[in-house]
Amino acid sequence: MEGKETVEVFRDLDKGALDTERFLEKHAKTLITIFGALLVAVLGYFAYQQFYEAPRNEEATLSYLAAQKNMAEGKEDLALGGKSAANPGYLGTYNEYSGTKVGKLSSYNAGLIKFKAGKYQEAYDLIDNFSSDNKVLMALKYGAMADCQLNLNKNDDALSLLNKAISASDDPYTTYYFTRKAGIVALALKKNADAKKYFSTIEEKYEDYDNGMSDSYIEMVKYY
């Protein structure tokens, strides 16, 4: 505004205000419609959270806890459930509440029961449904899926999943555990260079957990 007289400045401001007023008058209906749509969307979101999502989370939690109780009592078949509405178990909880965090956790637990029963493909599919913001839990997910693949003789896929487990978490013990497991699988696949890489990583970063075992594995790589 440098160089302008005060009167000219105010004249320009008045003109801008008038243009704005004309724009609002011209597009009033459109603006009201947009504002109304936004308001409905916001209110709808909060209503969904309050009256639909929250009750479903509560129902899922109660169903999950009932399955947990059966599991704690050693009643694995009842804990797995999925056979009747009266006893949904982990399977029923996942099927009914798959969109909730508890529902996804139920799928993971159901997968572990299936794995124990030797149904490795079913276990793999159920565990794959699980997701979490918790990095350690995600590492355990990939590790469990790797175990399924190993039992299905899909060793290369298992090694790939173990690499995911290694990178999923920054927890040192979890990373060590899956690095060691990946090294053993690589050794079994005669991928000696990869095996040496895994065991060398343990020697460099996780020797406190390994009690010197990595040295033995590195030495084994030379002759395996």
Protein backbone atom coordinates (compact mmCIF):
# COMPACT_ATOMS: atom_id res chain seq x y z
CA MET A 1 0.00 0.00 0.00
CA GLU A 2 3.05 2.21 -0.03
CA GLY A 3 2.45 5.41 -2.02
CA LYS A 4 -1.34 5.30 -1.77
CA GLU A 5 -3.39 7.93 -0.04
CA THR A 6 -5.58 6.85 2.88
CA VAL A 7 -8.73 7.62 0.91
CA GLU A 8 -7.61 5.36 -1.97
CA VAL A 9 -6.83 2.51 0.44
CA PHE A 10 -10.29 2.61 1.96
CA ARG A 11 -11.87 2.89 -1.49
CA ASP A 12 -10.11 -0.34 -2.52
CA LEU A 13 -11.21 -2.07 0.70
CA ASP A 14 -14.81 -1.01 0.12
CA LYS A 15 -14.69 -2.34 -3.45
CA GLY A 16 -13.30 -5.69 -2.22
CA ALA A 17 -16.01 -5.95 0.42
CA LEU A 18 -18.68 -5.16 -2.16
CA ASP A 19 -17.35 -7.83 -4.54
CA THR A 20 -17.39 -10.37 -1.72
CA GLU A 21 -20.95 -9.44 -0.80
CA ARG A 22 -22.07 -9.82 -4.43
CA PHE A 23 -20.35 -13.22 -4.66
CA LEU A 24 -22.11 -14.41 -1.50
CA GLU A 25 -25.47 -13.20 -2.79
CA LYS A 26 -24.96 -14.89 -6.15
CA HIS A 27 -23.83 -18.24 -4.75
CA ALA A 28 -25.77 -18.27 -1.48
CA LYS A 29 -27.79 -21.41 -2.30
CA THR A 30 -24.73 -23.36 -3.42
CA LEU A 31 -22.75 -22.37 -0.33
CA ILE A 32 -25.64 -23.27 1.98
CA THR A 33 -25.95 -26.68 0.26
CA ILE A 34 -22.21 -27.36 0.65
CA PHE A 35 -22.21 -26.26 4.28
CA GLY A 36 -25.29 -28.36 4.99
CA ALA A 37 -23.70 -31.43 3.38
CA LEU A 38 -20.55 -30.98 5.46
CA LEU A 39 -22.59 -30.58 8.62
CA VAL A 40 -24.60 -33.73 7.86
CA ALA A 41 -21.38 -35.65 7.16
CA VAL A 42 -19.80 -34.56 10.45
CA LEU A 43 -22.93 -35.32 12.49
CA GLY A 44 -23.33 -38.62 10.68
CA TYR A 45 -19.74 -39.63 11.51
CA PHE A 46 -20.17 -38.90 15.21
CA ALA A 47 -23.55 -40.65 15.27
CA TYR A 48 -21.97 -43.71 13.60
CA GLN A 49 -19.19 -43.78 16.16
CA GLN A 50 -21.52 -43.29 19.11
CA PHE A 51 -24.50 -45.45 18.21
CA TYR A 52 -23.03 -48.14 15.96
CA GLU A 53 -19.26 -48.53 16.31
CA ALA A 54 -19.03 -48.21 20.09
CA PRO A 55 -21.74 -50.81 20.82
CA ARG A 56 -20.21 -53.21 18.29
CA ASN A 57 -16.79 -52.86 19.91
CA GLU A 58 -18.36 -53.63 23.28
CA GLU A 59 -20.20 -56.68 21.90
CA ALA A 60 -17.01 -57.91 20.20
CA THR A 61 -15.04 -57.54 23.43
CA LEU A 62 -17.58 -59.56 25.43
CA SER A 63 -17.57 -62.30 22.79
CA TYR A 64 -13.76 -62.34 22.74
CA LEU A 65 -13.51 -62.54 26.53
CA ALA A 66 -15.86 -65.54 26.57
CA ALA A 67 -13.55 -67.28 24.09
CA GLN A 68 -10.54 -66.33 26.20
CA LYS A 69 -12.17 -67.90 29.25
CA ASN A 70 -12.67 -71.18 27.41
CA MET A 71 -9.09 -71.04 26.19
CA ALA A 72 -7.77 -70.48 29.71
CA GLU A 73 -9.73 -73.53 30.87
CA GLY A 74 -8.20 -75.67 28.12
CA LYS A 75 -11.41 -75.91 26.11
CA GLU A 76 -9.83 -75.14 22.76
CA ASP A 77 -12.75 -76.37 20.65
CA LEU A 78 -15.15 -74.08 22.49
CA ALA A 79 -12.62 -71.23 22.33
CA LEU A 80 -12.40 -71.67 18.56
CA GLY A 81 -16.20 -71.70 18.31
CA GLY A 82 -17.88 -70.74 15.06
CA LYS A 83 -20.44 -73.54 15.29
CA SER A 84 -23.37 -71.77 16.96
CA ALA A 85 -24.60 -68.30 17.81
CA ALA A 86 -24.68 -69.31 21.48
CA ASN A 87 -20.92 -69.83 21.47
CA PRO A 88 -19.32 -67.67 18.76
CA GLY A 89 -15.76 -68.22 20.00
CA TYR A 90 -12.85 -66.65 18.14
CA LEU A 91 -14.17 -67.62 14.72
CA GLY A 92 -17.65 -66.26 15.34
CA THR A 93 -16.26 -63.07 16.85
CA TYR A 94 -14.10 -62.48 13.79
CA ASN A 95 -16.90 -63.30 11.34
CA GLU A 96 -19.35 -60.97 13.09
CA TYR A 97 -16.98 -58.14 14.02
CA SER A 98 -14.19 -58.36 11.45
CA GLY A 99 -14.05 -54.58 11.13
CA THR A 100 -13.09 -54.10 14.78
CA LYS A 101 -9.68 -54.49 16.41
CA VAL A 102 -11.02 -57.20 18.72
CA GLY A 103 -12.45 -59.05 15.72
CA LYS A 104 -9.06 -59.06 14.01
CA LEU A 105 -7.35 -60.25 17.18
CA SER A 106 -9.91 -63.07 17.35
CA SER A 107 -8.88 -64.16 13.87
CA TYR A 108 -5.24 -64.31 14.99
CA ASN A 109 -6.12 -66.45 18.02
CA ALA A 110 -8.28 -68.73 15.91
CA GLY A 111 -5.32 -69.13 13.55
CA LEU A 112 -3.07 -70.24 16.39
CA ILE A 113 -5.58 -72.94 17.40
CA LYS A 114 -5.81 -74.13 13.80
CA PHE A 115 -2.00 -74.24 13.62
CA LYS A 116 -1.84 -76.37 16.74
CA ALA A 117 -4.37 -78.74 15.14
CA GLY A 118 -2.13 -79.10 12.08
CA LYS A 119 -4.43 -77.16 9.74
CA TYR A 120 -1.68 -74.92 8.45
CA GLN A 121 -3.37 -73.33 5.43
CA GLU A 122 -6.45 -72.41 7.45
CA ALA A 123 -4.18 -71.07 10.16
CA TYR A 124 -2.25 -68.99 7.63
CA ASP A 125 -5.41 -67.44 6.19
CA LEU A 126 -6.81 -66.57 9.62
CA ILE A 127 -3.57 -65.07 10.91
CA ASP A 128 -3.24 -63.05 7.70
CA ASN A 129 -6.51 -61.27 8.58
CA PHE A 130 -4.91 -59.77 11.68
CA SER A 131 -3.53 -56.23 11.69
CA SER A 132 -2.41 -53.90 14.45
CA ASP A 133 -0.62 -50.63 15.13
CA ASN A 134 1.53 -52.55 17.61
CA LYS A 135 4.84 -53.34 15.89
CA VAL A 136 5.69 -56.34 18.09
CA LEU A 137 2.31 -57.93 17.38
CA MET A 138 2.84 -57.44 13.65
CA ALA A 139 6.25 -59.12 13.93
CA LEU A 140 4.61 -62.05 15.71
CA LYS A 141 1.97 -62.19 12.97
CA TYR A 142 4.58 -62.55 10.22
CA GLY A 143 6.51 -65.06 12.31
CA ALA A 144 3.39 -67.20 12.82
CA MET A 145 2.61 -67.03 9.10
CA ALA A 146 6.18 -68.12 8.38
CA ASP A 147 5.68 -71.16 10.63
CA CYS A 148 2.59 -72.07 8.62
CA GLN A 149 4.51 -71.84 5.36
CA LEU A 150 7.35 -73.95 6.73
CA ASN A 151 4.87 -76.68 7.61
CA LEU A 152 3.40 -76.41 4.11
CA ASN A 153 6.93 -76.87 2.66
CA LYS A 154 6.90 -73.34 1.26
CA ASN A 155 10.30 -72.50 2.69
CA ASP A 156 11.16 -69.59 0.41
CA ASP A 157 7.86 -67.90 1.28
CA ALA A 158 8.58 -68.56 4.94
CA LEU A 159 11.97 -66.87 4.67
CA SER A 160 10.35 -63.84 3.03
CA LEU A 161 7.85 -63.61 5.90
CA LEU A 162 10.64 -63.90 8.46
CA ASN A 163 12.31 -60.92 6.81
CA LYS A 164 9.04 -59.02 7.30
CA ALA A 165 9.00 -60.09 10.95
CA ILE A 166 12.56 -58.82 11.38
CA SER A 167 11.79 -55.38 9.95
CA ALA A 168 8.31 -55.03 11.51
CA SER A 169 9.52 -54.31 15.04
CA ASP A 170 12.33 -52.35 16.65
CA ASP A 171 12.13 -54.47 19.80
CA PRO A 172 15.64 -55.98 20.10
CA TYR A 173 14.67 -59.42 21.38
CA THR A 174 11.91 -59.86 18.80
CA THR A 175 14.30 -58.82 16.03
CA TYR A 176 16.98 -61.17 17.35
CA TYR A 177 14.57 -64.10 17.58
CA PHE A 178 13.36 -63.82 13.99
CA THR A 179 16.83 -63.05 12.65
CA ARG A 180 18.08 -66.28 14.22
CA LYS A 181 15.12 -68.19 12.82
CA ALA A 182 15.69 -66.73 9.36
CA GLY A 183 19.33 -67.78 9.55
CA ILE A 184 18.37 -71.37 10.37
CA VAL A 185 15.84 -71.47 7.50
CA ALA A 186 18.38 -69.99 5.08
CA LEU A 187 20.88 -72.61 6.18
CA ALA A 188 18.33 -75.38 5.51
CA LEU A 189 17.73 -73.90 2.04
CA LYS A 190 21.52 -73.91 1.43
CA LYS A 191 21.46 -70.13 1.07
CA ASN A 192 24.75 -69.91 2.89
CA ALA A 193 25.49 -66.27 2.07
CA ASP A 194 22.12 -65.23 3.46
CA ALA A 195 22.56 -67.44 6.51
CA LYS A 196 25.94 -65.90 7.24
CA LYS A 197 24.42 -62.42 6.93
CA TYR A 198 21.73 -63.21 9.50
CA PHE A 199 24.12 -64.77 12.00
CA SER A 200 26.68 -61.98 11.53
CA THR A 201 23.95 -59.45 12.32
CA ILE A 202 23.25 -61.32 15.56
CA GLU A 203 26.94 -61.33 16.41
CA GLU A 204 27.18 -57.57 15.83
CA LYS A 205 23.93 -56.39 17.40
CA TYR A 206 22.31 -59.06 19.55
CA GLU A 207 25.11 -61.08 21.15
CA ASP A 208 23.62 -60.39 24.62
CA TYR A 209 20.66 -62.57 23.70
CA ASP A 210 22.58 -65.27 21.86
CA ASN A 211 25.17 -66.58 24.34
CA GLY A 212 27.70 -67.01 21.55
CA MET A 213 25.52 -69.34 19.47
CA SER A 214 25.91 -67.16 16.37
CA ASP A 215 29.62 -68.06 16.23
CA SER A 216 28.70 -71.72 16.01
CA TYR A 217 26.21 -71.07 13.23
CA ILE A 218 28.70 -68.96 11.26
CA GLU A 219 31.20 -71.77 11.54
CA MET A 220 28.52 -74.25 10.43
CA VAL A 221 27.89 -72.21 7.27
CA LYS A 222 31.42 -73.06 6.08
CA TYR A 223 30.78 -76.78 6.05
CA TYR A 224 27.06 -77.11 5.45
